[in-house]
Each structure stands twice: as structure tokens, then as C-alpha cells.
PDB file of all heavy atoms in Angstrom:
ATOM      1  N   GLN A   1      73.590 148.752  67.478  1.00  0.00           N
ATOM      2  CA  GLN A   1      73.226 148.936  68.853  1.00  0.00           C
ATOM      3  C   GLN A   1      73.406 147.630  69.625  1.00  0.00           C
ATOM      4  O   GLN A   1      73.591 146.575  69.016  1.00  0.00           O
ATOM      5  CB  GLN A   1      71.784 149.436  69.000  1.00  0.00           C
ATOM      6  CG  GLN A   1      70.742 148.482  68.485  1.00  0.00           C
ATOM      7  CD  GLN A   1      69.334 149.019  68.697  1.00  0.00           C
ATOM      8  OE1 GLN A   1      69.148 150.164  69.102  1.00  0.00           O
ATOM      9  NE2 GLN A   1      68.349 148.199  68.407  1.00  0.00           N
ATOM     10  N   VAL A   2      73.336 147.736  70.955  1.00  0.00           N
ATOM     11  CA  VAL A   2      73.513 146.578  71.806  1.00  0.00           C
ATOM     12  C   VAL A   2      72.505 146.636  72.954  1.00  0.00           C
ATOM     13  O   VAL A   2      72.196 147.708  73.484  1.00  0.00           O
ATOM     14  CB  VAL A   2      74.964 146.511  72.342  1.00  0.00           C
ATOM     15  CG1 VAL A   2      75.300 147.735  73.177  1.00  0.00           C
ATOM     16  CG2 VAL A   2      75.188 145.228  73.133  1.00  0.00           C
ATOM     17  N   HIS A   3      71.975 145.472  73.319  1.00  0.00           N
ATOM     18  CA  HIS A   3      71.049 145.336  74.433  1.00  0.00           C
ATOM     19  C   HIS A   3      71.767 144.611  75.566  1.00  0.00           C
ATOM     20  O   HIS A   3      72.364 143.556  75.349  1.00  0.00           O
ATOM     21  CB  HIS A   3      69.806 144.569  74.006  1.00  0.00           C
ATOM     22  CG  HIS A   3      68.797 144.368  75.084  1.00  0.00           C
ATOM     23  ND1 HIS A   3      68.131 145.417  75.681  1.00  0.00           N
ATOM     24  CD2 HIS A   3      68.346 143.231  75.681  1.00  0.00           C
ATOM     25  CE1 HIS A   3      67.308 144.945  76.588  1.00  0.00           C
ATOM     26  NE2 HIS A   3      67.412 143.627  76.610  1.00  0.00           N
ATOM     27  N   LEU A   4      71.707 145.163  76.776  1.00  0.00           N
ATOM     28  CA  LEU A   4      72.428 144.639  77.925  1.00  0.00           C
ATOM     29  C   LEU A   4      71.462 144.210  79.015  1.00  0.00           C
ATOM     30  O   LEU A   4      70.518 144.935  79.336  1.00  0.00           O
ATOM     31  CB  LEU A   4      73.377 145.702  78.490  1.00  0.00           C
ATOM     32  CG  LEU A   4      74.376 146.330  77.514  1.00  0.00           C
ATOM     33  CD1 LEU A   4      75.115 147.476  78.182  1.00  0.00           C
ATOM     34  CD2 LEU A   4      75.360 145.276  77.014  1.00  0.00           C
ATOM     35  N   VAL A   5      71.709 143.037  79.610  1.00  0.00           N
ATOM     36  CA  VAL A   5      70.884 142.521  80.693  1.00  0.00           C
ATOM     37  C   VAL A   5      71.785 142.039  81.821  1.00  0.00           C
ATOM     38  O   VAL A   5      72.576 141.110  81.628  1.00  0.00           O
ATOM     39  CB  VAL A   5      69.972 141.377  80.224  1.00  0.00           C
ATOM     40  CG1 VAL A   5      69.156 140.841  81.403  1.00  0.00           C
ATOM     41  CG2 VAL A   5      69.045 141.847  79.116  1.00  0.00           C
ATOM     42  N   GLU A   6      71.645 142.654  83.014  1.00  0.00           N
ATOM     43  CA  GLU A   6      72.418 142.245  84.183  1.00  0.00           C
ATOM     44  C   GLU A   6      71.712 141.122  84.933  1.00  0.00           C
ATOM     45  O   GLU A   6      70.483 141.028  84.925  1.00  0.00           O
ATOM     46  CB  GLU A   6      72.630 143.425  85.150  1.00  0.00           C
ATOM     47  CG  GLU A   6      73.302 144.644  84.544  1.00  0.00           C
ATOM     48  CD  GLU A   6      72.307 145.687  84.085  1.00  0.00           C
ATOM     49  OE1 GLU A   6      71.154 145.321  83.746  1.00  0.00           O
ATOM     50  OE2 GLU A   6      72.674 146.880  84.071  1.00  0.00           O
ATOM     51  N   SER A   7      72.502 140.297  85.622  1.00  0.00           N
ATOM     52  CA  SER A   7      71.971 139.261  86.493  1.00  0.00           C
ATOM     53  C   SER A   7      72.992 138.951  87.572  1.00  0.00           C
ATOM     54  O   SER A   7      74.142 139.380  87.495  1.00  0.00           O
ATOM     55  CB  SER A   7      71.621 138.000  85.702  1.00  0.00           C
ATOM     56  OG  SER A   7      72.779 137.433  85.111  1.00  0.00           O
ATOM     57  N   GLY A   8      72.575 138.204  88.586  1.00  0.00           N
ATOM     58  CA  GLY A   8      73.480 137.759  89.632  1.00  0.00           C
ATOM     59  C   GLY A   8      73.382 138.509  90.935  1.00  0.00           C
ATOM     60  O   GLY A   8      74.064 138.148  91.904  1.00  0.00           O
ATOM     61  N   GLY A   9      72.566 139.551  90.994  1.00  0.00           N
ATOM     62  CA  GLY A   9      72.397 140.290  92.233  1.00  0.00           C
ATOM     63  C   GLY A   9      71.616 139.488  93.254  1.00  0.00           C
ATOM     64  O   GLY A   9      71.030 138.448  92.952  1.00  0.00           O
ATOM     65  N   GLY A  10      71.609 139.975  94.491  1.00  0.00           N
ATOM     66  CA  GLY A  10      70.887 139.305  95.551  1.00  0.00           C
ATOM     67  C   GLY A  10      71.302 139.810  96.909  1.00  0.00           C
ATOM     68  O   GLY A  10      71.919 140.866  97.037  1.00  0.00           O
ATOM     69  N   LEU A  11      70.951 139.043  97.935  1.00  0.00           N
ATOM     70  CA  LEU A  11      71.260 139.374  99.324  1.00  0.00           C
ATOM     71  C   LEU A  11      72.449 138.554  99.789  1.00  0.00           C
ATOM     72  O   LEU A  11      72.480 137.330  99.600  1.00  0.00           O
ATOM     73  CB  LEU A  11      70.048 139.091 100.213  1.00  0.00           C
ATOM     74  CG  LEU A  11      70.236 139.267 101.716  1.00  0.00           C
ATOM     75  CD1 LEU A  11      70.521 140.725 102.055  1.00  0.00           C
ATOM     76  CD2 LEU A  11      69.001 138.762 102.457  1.00  0.00           C
ATOM     77  N   VAL A  12      73.428 139.216 100.405  1.00  0.00           N
ATOM     78  CA  VAL A  12      74.621 138.544 100.890  1.00  0.00           C
ATOM     79  C   VAL A  12      75.049 139.177 102.215  1.00  0.00           C
ATOM     80  O   VAL A  12      74.800 140.362 102.451  1.00  0.00           O
ATOM     81  CB  VAL A  12      75.760 138.621  99.843  1.00  0.00           C
ATOM     82  CG1 VAL A  12      76.203 140.064  99.630  1.00  0.00           C
ATOM     83  CG2 VAL A  12      76.930 137.740 100.229  1.00  0.00           C
ATOM     84  N   GLN A  13      75.672 138.383 103.086  1.00  0.00           N
ATOM     85  CA  GLN A  13      76.183 138.903 104.340  1.00  0.00           C
ATOM     86  C   GLN A  13      77.484 139.673 104.119  1.00  0.00           C
ATOM     87  O   GLN A  13      78.231 139.406 103.172  1.00  0.00           O
ATOM     88  CB  GLN A  13      76.431 137.771 105.333  1.00  0.00           C
ATOM     89  CG  GLN A  13      75.188 137.032 105.782  1.00  0.00           C
ATOM     90  CD  GLN A  13      74.242 137.917 106.561  1.00  0.00           C
ATOM     91  OE1 GLN A  13      73.079 138.062 106.200  1.00  0.00           O
ATOM     92  NE2 GLN A  13      74.739 138.520 107.630  1.00  0.00           N
ATOM     93  N   ALA A  14      77.748 140.637 104.988  1.00  0.00           N
ATOM     94  CA  ALA A  14      79.004 141.377 104.924  1.00  0.00           C
ATOM     95  C   ALA A  14      80.185 140.410 104.938  1.00  0.00           C
ATOM     96  O   ALA A  14      80.201 139.442 105.698  1.00  0.00           O
ATOM     97  CB  ALA A  14      79.104 142.353 106.081  1.00  0.00           C
ATOM     98  N   GLY A  15      81.157 140.682 104.076  1.00  0.00           N
ATOM     99  CA  GLY A  15      82.307 139.809 103.933  1.00  0.00           C
ATOM    100  C   GLY A  15      82.143 138.739 102.874  1.00  0.00           C
ATOM    101  O   GLY A  15      83.125 138.074 102.514  1.00  0.00           O
ATOM    102  N   GLY A  16      80.941 138.588 102.353  1.00  0.00           N
ATOM    103  CA  GLY A  16      80.665 137.589 101.345  1.00  0.00           C
ATOM    104  C   GLY A  16      80.977 138.065  99.938  1.00  0.00           C
ATOM    105  O   GLY A  16      81.518 139.154  99.736  1.00  0.00           O
ATOM    106  N   SER A  17      80.600 137.241  98.953  1.00  0.00           N
ATOM    107  CA  SER A  17      80.915 137.513  97.557  1.00  0.00           C
ATOM    108  C   SER A  17      79.699 137.326  96.662  1.00  0.00           C
ATOM    109  O   SER A  17      78.804 136.529  96.960  1.00  0.00           O
ATOM    110  CB  SER A  17      82.027 136.579  97.064  1.00  0.00           C
ATOM    111  OG  SER A  17      83.228 136.770  97.785  1.00  0.00           O
ATOM    112  N   LEU A  18      79.683 138.064  95.561  1.00  0.00           N
ATOM    113  CA  LEU A  18      78.706 137.898  94.498  1.00  0.00           C
ATOM    114  C   LEU A  18      79.416 138.090  93.168  1.00  0.00           C
ATOM    115  O   LEU A  18      80.402 138.825  93.083  1.00  0.00           O
ATOM    116  CB  LEU A  18      77.569 138.909  94.601  1.00  0.00           C
ATOM    117  CG  LEU A  18      76.476 138.691  95.643  1.00  0.00           C
ATOM    118  CD1 LEU A  18      75.544 139.895  95.664  1.00  0.00           C
ATOM    119  CD2 LEU A  18      75.694 137.421  95.355  1.00  0.00           C
ATOM    120  N   ARG A  19      78.897 137.446  92.134  1.00  0.00           N
ATOM    121  CA  ARG A  19      79.405 137.625  90.780  1.00  0.00           C
ATOM    122  C   ARG A  19      78.264 138.094  89.885  1.00  0.00           C
ATOM    123  O   ARG A  19      77.293 137.355  89.673  1.00  0.00           O
ATOM    124  CB  ARG A  19      79.984 136.328  90.227  1.00  0.00           C
ATOM    125  CG  ARG A  19      80.695 136.484  88.881  1.00  0.00           C
ATOM    126  CD  ARG A  19      80.907 135.131  88.239  1.00  0.00           C
ATOM    127  NE  ARG A  19      81.820 135.171  87.116  1.00  0.00           N
ATOM    128  CZ  ARG A  19      81.901 134.228  86.184  1.00  0.00           C
ATOM    129  NH1 ARG A  19      81.129 133.157  86.258  1.00  0.00           N
ATOM    130  NH2 ARG A  19      82.765 134.345  85.185  1.00  0.00           N
ATOM    131  N   LEU A  20      78.366 139.313  89.390  1.00  0.00           N
ATOM    132  CA  LEU A  20      77.373 139.856  88.481  1.00  0.00           C
ATOM    133  C   LEU A  20      77.757 139.557  87.040  1.00  0.00           C
ATOM    134  O   LEU A  20      78.935 139.547  86.693  1.00  0.00           O
ATOM    135  CB  LEU A  20      77.245 141.369  88.660  1.00  0.00           C
ATOM    136  CG  LEU A  20      76.942 141.877  90.069  1.00  0.00           C
ATOM    137  CD1 LEU A  20      76.759 143.390  90.048  1.00  0.00           C
ATOM    138  CD2 LEU A  20      75.723 141.189  90.653  1.00  0.00           C
ATOM    139  N   SER A  21      76.754 139.318  86.206  1.00  0.00           N
ATOM    140  CA  SER A  21      76.968 139.088  84.785  1.00  0.00           C
ATOM    141  C   SER A  21      76.183 140.112  83.982  1.00  0.00           C
ATOM    142  O   SER A  21      75.116 140.562  84.399  1.00  0.00           O
ATOM    143  CB  SER A  21      76.522 137.685  84.385  1.00  0.00           C
ATOM    144  OG  SER A  21      77.279 136.693  85.039  1.00  0.00           O
ATOM    145  N   CYS A  22      76.708 140.470  82.830  1.00  0.00           N
ATOM    146  CA  CYS A  22      76.043 141.374  81.897  1.00  0.00           C
ATOM    147  C   CYS A  22      76.089 140.726  80.531  1.00  0.00           C
ATOM    148  O   CYS A  22      77.148 140.664  79.902  1.00  0.00           O
ATOM    149  CB  CYS A  22      76.734 142.741  81.892  1.00  0.00           C
ATOM    150  SG  CYS A  22      76.049 143.914  80.706  1.00  0.00           S
ATOM    151  N   ALA A  23      74.946 140.227  80.079  1.00  0.00           N
ATOM    152  CA  ALA A  23      74.844 139.553  78.794  1.00  0.00           C
ATOM    153  C   ALA A  23      74.417 140.544  77.721  1.00  0.00           C
ATOM    154  O   ALA A  23      73.479 141.314  77.914  1.00  0.00           O
ATOM    155  CB  ALA A  23      73.853 138.404  78.875  1.00  0.00           C
ATOM    156  N   ALA A  24      75.097 140.507  76.582  1.00  0.00           N
ATOM    157  CA  ALA A  24      74.839 141.443  75.497  1.00  0.00           C
ATOM    158  C   ALA A  24      74.236 140.737  74.292  1.00  0.00           C
ATOM    159  O   ALA A  24      74.567 139.581  73.997  1.00  0.00           O
ATOM    160  CB  ALA A  24      76.122 142.148  75.082  1.00  0.00           C
ATOM    161  N   SER A  25      73.355 141.438  73.594  1.00  0.00           N
ATOM    162  CA  SER A  25      72.826 140.976  72.320  1.00  0.00           C
ATOM    163  C   SER A  25      72.895 142.130  71.326  1.00  0.00           C
ATOM    164  O   SER A  25      73.012 143.284  71.711  1.00  0.00           O
ATOM    165  CB  SER A  25      71.398 140.465  72.454  1.00  0.00           C
ATOM    166  OG  SER A  25      70.529 141.487  72.912  1.00  0.00           O
ATOM    167  N   GLY A  26      72.799 141.809  70.045  1.00  0.00           N
ATOM    168  CA  GLY A  26      73.007 142.812  69.018  1.00  0.00           C
ATOM    169  C   GLY A  26      74.447 142.738  68.539  1.00  0.00           C
ATOM    170  O   GLY A  26      74.929 141.654  68.224  1.00  0.00           O
ATOM    171  N   ARG A  27      75.125 143.883  68.500  1.00  0.00           N
ATOM    172  CA  ARG A  27      76.538 143.880  68.163  1.00  0.00           C
ATOM    173  C   ARG A  27      77.329 143.134  69.232  1.00  0.00           C
ATOM    174  O   ARG A  27      76.934 143.102  70.397  1.00  0.00           O
ATOM    175  CB  ARG A  27      77.070 145.303  68.009  1.00  0.00           C
ATOM    176  CG  ARG A  27      76.469 146.074  66.845  1.00  0.00           C
ATOM    177  CD  ARG A  27      77.148 147.419  66.669  1.00  0.00           C
ATOM    178  NE  ARG A  27      78.548 147.284  66.309  1.00  0.00           N
ATOM    179  CZ  ARG A  27      79.003 147.144  65.068  1.00  0.00           C
ATOM    180  NH1 ARG A  27      78.150 147.130  64.042  1.00  0.00           N
ATOM    181  NH2 ARG A  27      80.295 147.028  64.839  1.00  0.00           N
ATOM    182  N   THR A  28      78.446 142.556  68.846  1.00  0.00           N
ATOM    183  CA  THR A  28      79.272 141.830  69.799  1.00  0.00           C
ATOM    184  C   THR A  28      79.848 142.786  70.831  1.00  0.00           C
ATOM    185  O   THR A  28      80.168 143.932  70.525  1.00  0.00           O
ATOM    186  CB  THR A  28      80.411 141.091  69.094  1.00  0.00           C
ATOM    187  OG1 THR A  28      81.198 142.022  68.343  1.00  0.00           O
ATOM    188  CG2 THR A  28      79.861 140.033  68.153  1.00  0.00           C
ATOM    189  N   VAL A  29      79.980 142.295  72.057  1.00  0.00           N
ATOM    190  CA  VAL A  29      80.445 143.140  73.151  1.00  0.00           C
ATOM    191  C   VAL A  29      81.882 143.589  72.932  1.00  0.00           C
ATOM    192  O   VAL A  29      82.312 144.596  73.503  1.00  0.00           O
ATOM    193  CB  VAL A  29      80.280 142.403  74.499  1.00  0.00           C
ATOM    194  CG1 VAL A  29      81.318 141.291  74.638  1.00  0.00           C
ATOM    195  CG2 VAL A  29      80.362 143.372  75.665  1.00  0.00           C
ATOM    196  N   SER A  30      82.640 142.886  72.099  1.00  0.00           N
ATOM    197  CA  SER A  30      84.021 143.272  71.818  1.00  0.00           C
ATOM    198  C   SER A  30      84.127 144.610  71.090  1.00  0.00           C
ATOM    199  O   SER A  30      85.214 145.182  71.019  1.00  0.00           O
ATOM    200  CB  SER A  30      84.729 142.192  71.009  1.00  0.00           C
ATOM    201  OG  SER A  30      84.116 142.010  69.742  1.00  0.00           O
ATOM    202  N   SER A  31      83.013 145.101  70.556  1.00  0.00           N
ATOM    203  CA  SER A  31      83.007 146.390  69.875  1.00  0.00           C
ATOM    204  C   SER A  31      83.032 147.571  70.838  1.00  0.00           C
ATOM    205  O   SER A  31      83.191 148.708  70.398  1.00  0.00           O
ATOM    206  CB  SER A  31      81.768 146.512  68.984  1.00  0.00           C
ATOM    207  OG  SER A  31      81.761 145.511  67.982  1.00  0.00           O
ATOM    208  N   TYR A  32      82.866 147.317  72.139  1.00  0.00           N
ATOM    209  CA  TYR A  32      82.705 148.371  73.126  1.00  0.00           C
ATOM    210  C   TYR A  32      83.624 148.183  74.322  1.00  0.00           C
ATOM    211  O   TYR A  32      83.894 147.060  74.747  1.00  0.00           O
ATOM    212  CB  TYR A  32      81.261 148.400  73.645  1.00  0.00           C
ATOM    213  CG  TYR A  32      80.215 148.546  72.574  1.00  0.00           C
ATOM    214  CD1 TYR A  32      79.659 147.428  71.965  1.00  0.00           C
ATOM    215  CD2 TYR A  32      79.774 149.803  72.184  1.00  0.00           C
ATOM    216  CE1 TYR A  32      78.697 147.564  70.979  1.00  0.00           C
ATOM    217  CE2 TYR A  32      78.816 149.941  71.204  1.00  0.00           C
ATOM    218  CZ  TYR A  32      78.279 148.821  70.608  1.00  0.00           C
ATOM    219  OH  TYR A  32      77.318 148.962  69.634  1.00  0.00           O
ATOM    220  N   ALA A  33      84.077 149.310  74.866  1.00  0.00           N
ATOM    221  CA  ALA A  33      84.546 149.301  76.238  1.00  0.00           C
ATOM    222  C   ALA A  33      83.322 149.163  77.146  1.00  0.00           C
ATOM    223  O   ALA A  33      82.243 149.659  76.821  1.00  0.00           O
ATOM    224  CB  ALA A  33      85.306 150.586  76.563  1.00  0.00           C
ATOM    225  N   MET A  34      83.480 148.488  78.278  1.00  0.00           N
ATOM    226  CA  MET A  34      82.356 148.222  79.165  1.00  0.00           C
ATOM    227  C   MET A  34      82.622 148.790  80.554  1.00  0.00           C
ATOM    228  O   MET A  34      83.768 148.873  81.003  1.00  0.00           O
ATOM    229  CB  MET A  34      82.104 146.718  79.279  1.00  0.00           C
ATOM    230  CG  MET A  34      81.805 146.033  77.956  1.00  0.00           C
ATOM    231  SD  MET A  34      80.249 146.604  77.207  1.00  0.00           S
ATOM    232  CE  MET A  34      79.059 146.050  78.431  1.00  0.00           C
ATOM    233  N   GLY A  35      81.548 149.170  81.227  1.00  0.00           N
ATOM    234  CA  GLY A  35      81.668 149.704  82.571  1.00  0.00           C
ATOM    235  C   GLY A  35      80.562 149.206  83.483  1.00  0.00           C
ATOM    236  O   GLY A  35      79.506 148.757  83.029  1.00  0.00           O
ATOM    237  N   TRP A  36      80.835 149.280  84.781  1.00  0.00           N
ATOM    238  CA  TRP A  36      79.835 149.029  85.816  1.00  0.00           C
ATOM    239  C   TRP A  36      79.660 150.291  86.654  1.00  0.00           C
ATOM    240  O   TRP A  36      80.650 150.926  87.040  1.00  0.00           O
ATOM    241  CB  TRP A  36      80.244 147.885  86.739  1.00  0.00           C
ATOM    242  CG  TRP A  36      80.123 146.520  86.126  1.00  0.00           C
ATOM    243  CD1 TRP A  36      81.108 145.800  85.507  1.00  0.00           C
ATOM    244  CD2 TRP A  36      78.957 145.696  86.099  1.00  0.00           C
ATOM    245  NE1 TRP A  36      80.618 144.589  85.089  1.00  0.00           N
ATOM    246  CE2 TRP A  36      79.298 144.499  85.444  1.00  0.00           C
ATOM    247  CE3 TRP A  36      77.649 145.857  86.568  1.00  0.00           C
ATOM    248  CZ2 TRP A  36      78.383 143.463  85.239  1.00  0.00           C
ATOM    249  CZ3 TRP A  36      76.739 144.825  86.363  1.00  0.00           C
ATOM    250  CH2 TRP A  36      77.110 143.657  85.703  1.00  0.00           C
ATOM    251  N   PHE A  37      78.409 150.644  86.914  1.00  0.00           N
ATOM    252  CA  PHE A  37      78.048 151.757  87.785  1.00  0.00           C
ATOM    253  C   PHE A  37      77.075 151.255  88.839  1.00  0.00           C
ATOM    254  O   PHE A  37      76.489 150.186  88.693  1.00  0.00           O
ATOM    255  CB  PHE A  37      77.412 152.900  86.981  1.00  0.00           C
ATOM    256  CG  PHE A  37      78.362 153.621  86.073  1.00  0.00           C
ATOM    257  CD1 PHE A  37      78.765 153.051  84.871  1.00  0.00           C
ATOM    258  CD2 PHE A  37      78.854 154.870  86.405  1.00  0.00           C
ATOM    259  CE1 PHE A  37      79.636 153.708  84.029  1.00  0.00           C
ATOM    260  CE2 PHE A  37      79.732 155.543  85.564  1.00  0.00           C
ATOM    261  CZ  PHE A  37      80.122 154.964  84.380  1.00  0.00           C
ATOM    262  N   ARG A  38      76.883 152.037  89.904  1.00  0.00           N
ATOM    263  CA  ARG A  38      75.905 151.665  90.920  1.00  0.00           C
ATOM    264  C   ARG A  38      75.209 152.909  91.445  1.00  0.00           C
ATOM    265  O   ARG A  38      75.739 154.017  91.393  1.00  0.00           O
ATOM    266  CB  ARG A  38      76.560 150.892  92.071  1.00  0.00           C
ATOM    267  CG  ARG A  38      77.559 151.699  92.901  1.00  0.00           C
ATOM    268  CD  ARG A  38      78.279 150.796  93.890  1.00  0.00           C
ATOM    269  NE  ARG A  38      79.188 151.528  94.745  1.00  0.00           N
ATOM    270  CZ  ARG A  38      80.017 150.962  95.613  1.00  0.00           C
ATOM    271  NH1 ARG A  38      80.054 149.637  95.738  1.00  0.00           N
ATOM    272  NH2 ARG A  38      80.820 151.712  96.364  1.00  0.00           N
ATOM    273  N   GLN A  39      73.996 152.706  91.970  1.00  0.00           N
ATOM    274  CA  GLN A  39      73.209 153.807  92.503  1.00  0.00           C
ATOM    275  C   GLN A  39      72.428 153.342  93.724  1.00  0.00           C
ATOM    276  O   GLN A  39      71.634 152.407  93.640  1.00  0.00           O
ATOM    277  CB  GLN A  39      72.255 154.369  91.448  1.00  0.00           C
ATOM    278  CG  GLN A  39      71.538 155.632  91.882  1.00  0.00           C
ATOM    279  CD  GLN A  39      70.842 156.331  90.723  1.00  0.00           C
ATOM    280  OE1 GLN A  39      70.523 155.707  89.710  1.00  0.00           O
ATOM    281  NE2 GLN A  39      70.606 157.611  90.860  1.00  0.00           N
TER     282      GLN A  39
END
């Protein structure tokens, strides 16, 4: 199994940029295809 923790979110003005990170523990992340979703 793998545990995932996102970081890097926040408040930004329109036209700006953010970089989100997803750190994994457990099995190496190379064992999986990865995706991002939003709600």
C-alpha cells in the first residue's frame, strides 16, 4: 500500500501560479500510475 500527502495549495491571484506536491510513503511511487483530481 501507499500513503499520499498533498501540499502546496493556497490563495493566488488570477493569472498566477502554484506548484502542488504529492509525497508518497510505503511502496515506491514508481509502482503506480498517478493522477490529480479536484472537487
